Amino acid sequence: TLMFVNVSPSSEHANETISSLRYGATAKKIQNSVEKQFEDKAMRTMISIKNEQSMKIRNLLQVCRDNNIAINTSEYDNYIDFDESAIVQQADDEESAGETSGATE
């Protein structure tokens, strides 16, 4: 962010000059934060499909429990405990790696 503060050497405009300098000093303290927004359509579709699969697996495991069918549920933990933030982080990491490798070529 860039800001120009106009000041006047004339005593007639001293109040405006002081006001402008105060505003400039306040504006200088402003900190901008940049965050990457996650808006990739393909990624949202993948997350939606993963959520559907997770729900189906939970339902299947419940049917197995209801019918006393022994099943090793640990094999399905990755699907049941789905965390979409992990996919977002992985996508960000892959994008960062691509930017880094492109800079070195």
Protein backbone atom coordinates (compact mmCIF):
# COMPACT_ATOMS: atom_id res chain seq x y z
CA THR A 1 0.00 0.00 0.00
CA LEU A 2 1.31 3.40 -0.94
CA MET A 3 0.21 6.76 0.39
CA PHE A 4 1.32 10.29 -0.38
CA VAL A 5 0.88 12.97 2.27
CA ASN A 6 0.91 16.53 0.98
CA VAL A 7 2.24 19.17 3.34
CA SER A 8 2.51 22.92 3.01
CA PRO A 9 5.33 25.16 4.26
CA SER A 10 2.80 27.97 4.70
CA SER A 11 1.65 28.79 8.25
CA GLU A 12 -1.83 29.38 6.83
CA HIS A 13 -2.20 25.65 6.21
CA ALA A 14 -0.48 24.43 9.39
CA ASN A 15 -3.62 22.72 10.75
CA GLU A 16 -4.17 20.81 7.50
CA THR A 17 -0.48 19.84 7.35
CA ILE A 18 -0.52 18.54 10.94
CA SER A 19 -3.77 16.67 10.30
CA SER A 20 -2.32 15.10 7.13
CA LEU A 21 0.85 14.03 8.95
CA ARG A 22 -1.16 12.47 11.79
CA TYR A 23 -3.30 10.57 9.30
CA GLY A 24 -0.17 9.43 7.45
CA ALA A 25 1.37 8.19 10.72
CA THR A 26 -1.82 6.28 11.53
CA ALA A 27 -2.04 4.80 8.02
CA LYS A 28 1.59 3.67 8.28
CA LYS A 29 0.62 1.39 11.19
CA ILE A 30 -1.98 -0.51 9.12
CA GLN A 31 -0.98 -4.15 8.59
CA ASN A 32 -2.46 -6.03 5.64
CA SER A 33 -2.87 -9.78 5.96
CA VAL A 34 -2.96 -11.93 2.86
CA GLU A 35 -4.75 -15.26 2.87
CA LYS A 36 -5.19 -17.60 -0.01
CA GLN A 37 -8.82 -18.46 -0.62
CA PHE A 38 -9.71 -22.02 -1.46
CA GLU A 39 -12.03 -21.83 -4.46
CA ASP A 40 -10.96 -24.61 -6.78
CA LYS A 41 -14.07 -26.28 -8.27
CA ALA A 42 -12.36 -29.63 -8.88
CA MET A 43 -11.13 -29.71 -5.28
CA ARG A 44 -14.62 -28.93 -3.94
CA THR A 45 -16.01 -31.75 -6.09
CA MET A 46 -13.39 -34.15 -4.75
CA ILE A 47 -14.20 -33.16 -1.16
CA SER A 48 -17.90 -33.68 -1.82
CA ILE A 49 -17.29 -37.15 -3.25
CA LYS A 50 -15.03 -38.02 -0.33
CA ASN A 51 -17.74 -36.91 2.13
CA GLU A 52 -20.32 -39.10 0.34
CA GLN A 53 -17.96 -42.10 0.47
CA SER A 54 -17.32 -41.50 4.14
CA MET A 55 -21.04 -41.45 4.89
CA LYS A 56 -21.62 -44.68 2.92
CA ILE A 57 -18.80 -46.43 4.78
CA ARG A 58 -20.21 -45.31 8.14
CA ASN A 59 -23.62 -46.66 7.13
CA LEU A 60 -22.12 -49.96 5.98
CA LEU A 61 -20.17 -50.34 9.23
CA GLN A 62 -23.35 -49.67 11.20
CA VAL A 63 -25.21 -52.35 9.26
CA CYS A 64 -22.37 -54.77 10.03
CA ARG A 65 -22.56 -53.91 13.75
CA ASP A 66 -26.37 -54.25 13.76
CA ASN A 67 -26.11 -57.73 12.20
CA ASN A 68 -23.18 -58.85 14.40
CA ILE A 69 -20.84 -59.14 11.42
CA ALA A 70 -17.21 -58.93 12.50
CA ILE A 71 -15.23 -56.36 10.54
CA ASN A 72 -11.91 -54.63 11.09
CA THR A 73 -12.89 -50.95 11.20
CA SER A 74 -9.30 -49.69 11.42
CA GLU A 75 -8.99 -50.18 7.66
CA TYR A 76 -11.63 -47.50 7.15
CA ASP A 77 -10.45 -44.89 9.65
CA ASN A 78 -8.93 -42.72 6.91
CA TYR A 79 -12.29 -42.52 5.17
CA ILE A 80 -14.40 -42.08 8.29
CA ASP A 81 -12.23 -39.43 9.92
CA PHE A 82 -12.10 -37.33 6.78
CA ASP A 83 -10.46 -33.92 7.22
CA GLU A 84 -10.85 -31.63 4.22
CA SER A 85 -8.30 -29.17 5.61
CA ALA A 86 -5.65 -31.85 5.03
CA ILE A 87 -6.57 -31.95 1.33
CA VAL A 88 -6.45 -28.16 1.15
CA GLN A 89 -3.01 -28.14 2.82
CA GLN A 90 -1.77 -30.85 0.45
CA ALA A 91 -2.97 -28.85 -2.56
CA ASP A 92 -1.27 -25.71 -1.23
CA ASP A 93 1.95 -27.65 -0.63
CA GLU A 94 1.91 -29.07 -4.15
CA GLU A 95 1.26 -25.62 -5.62
CA SER A 96 4.11 -24.13 -3.58
CA ALA A 97 6.43 -26.92 -4.68
CA GLY A 98 5.48 -26.23 -8.31
CA GLU A 99 6.23 -22.54 -7.92
CA THR A 100 9.56 -23.33 -6.28
CA SER A 101 10.63 -25.83 -8.93
CA GLY A 102 9.60 -23.43 -11.68
CA ALA A 103 11.82 -20.73 -10.24
CA THR A 104 14.90 -22.96 -10.27
CA GLU A 105 14.57 -24.17 -13.85
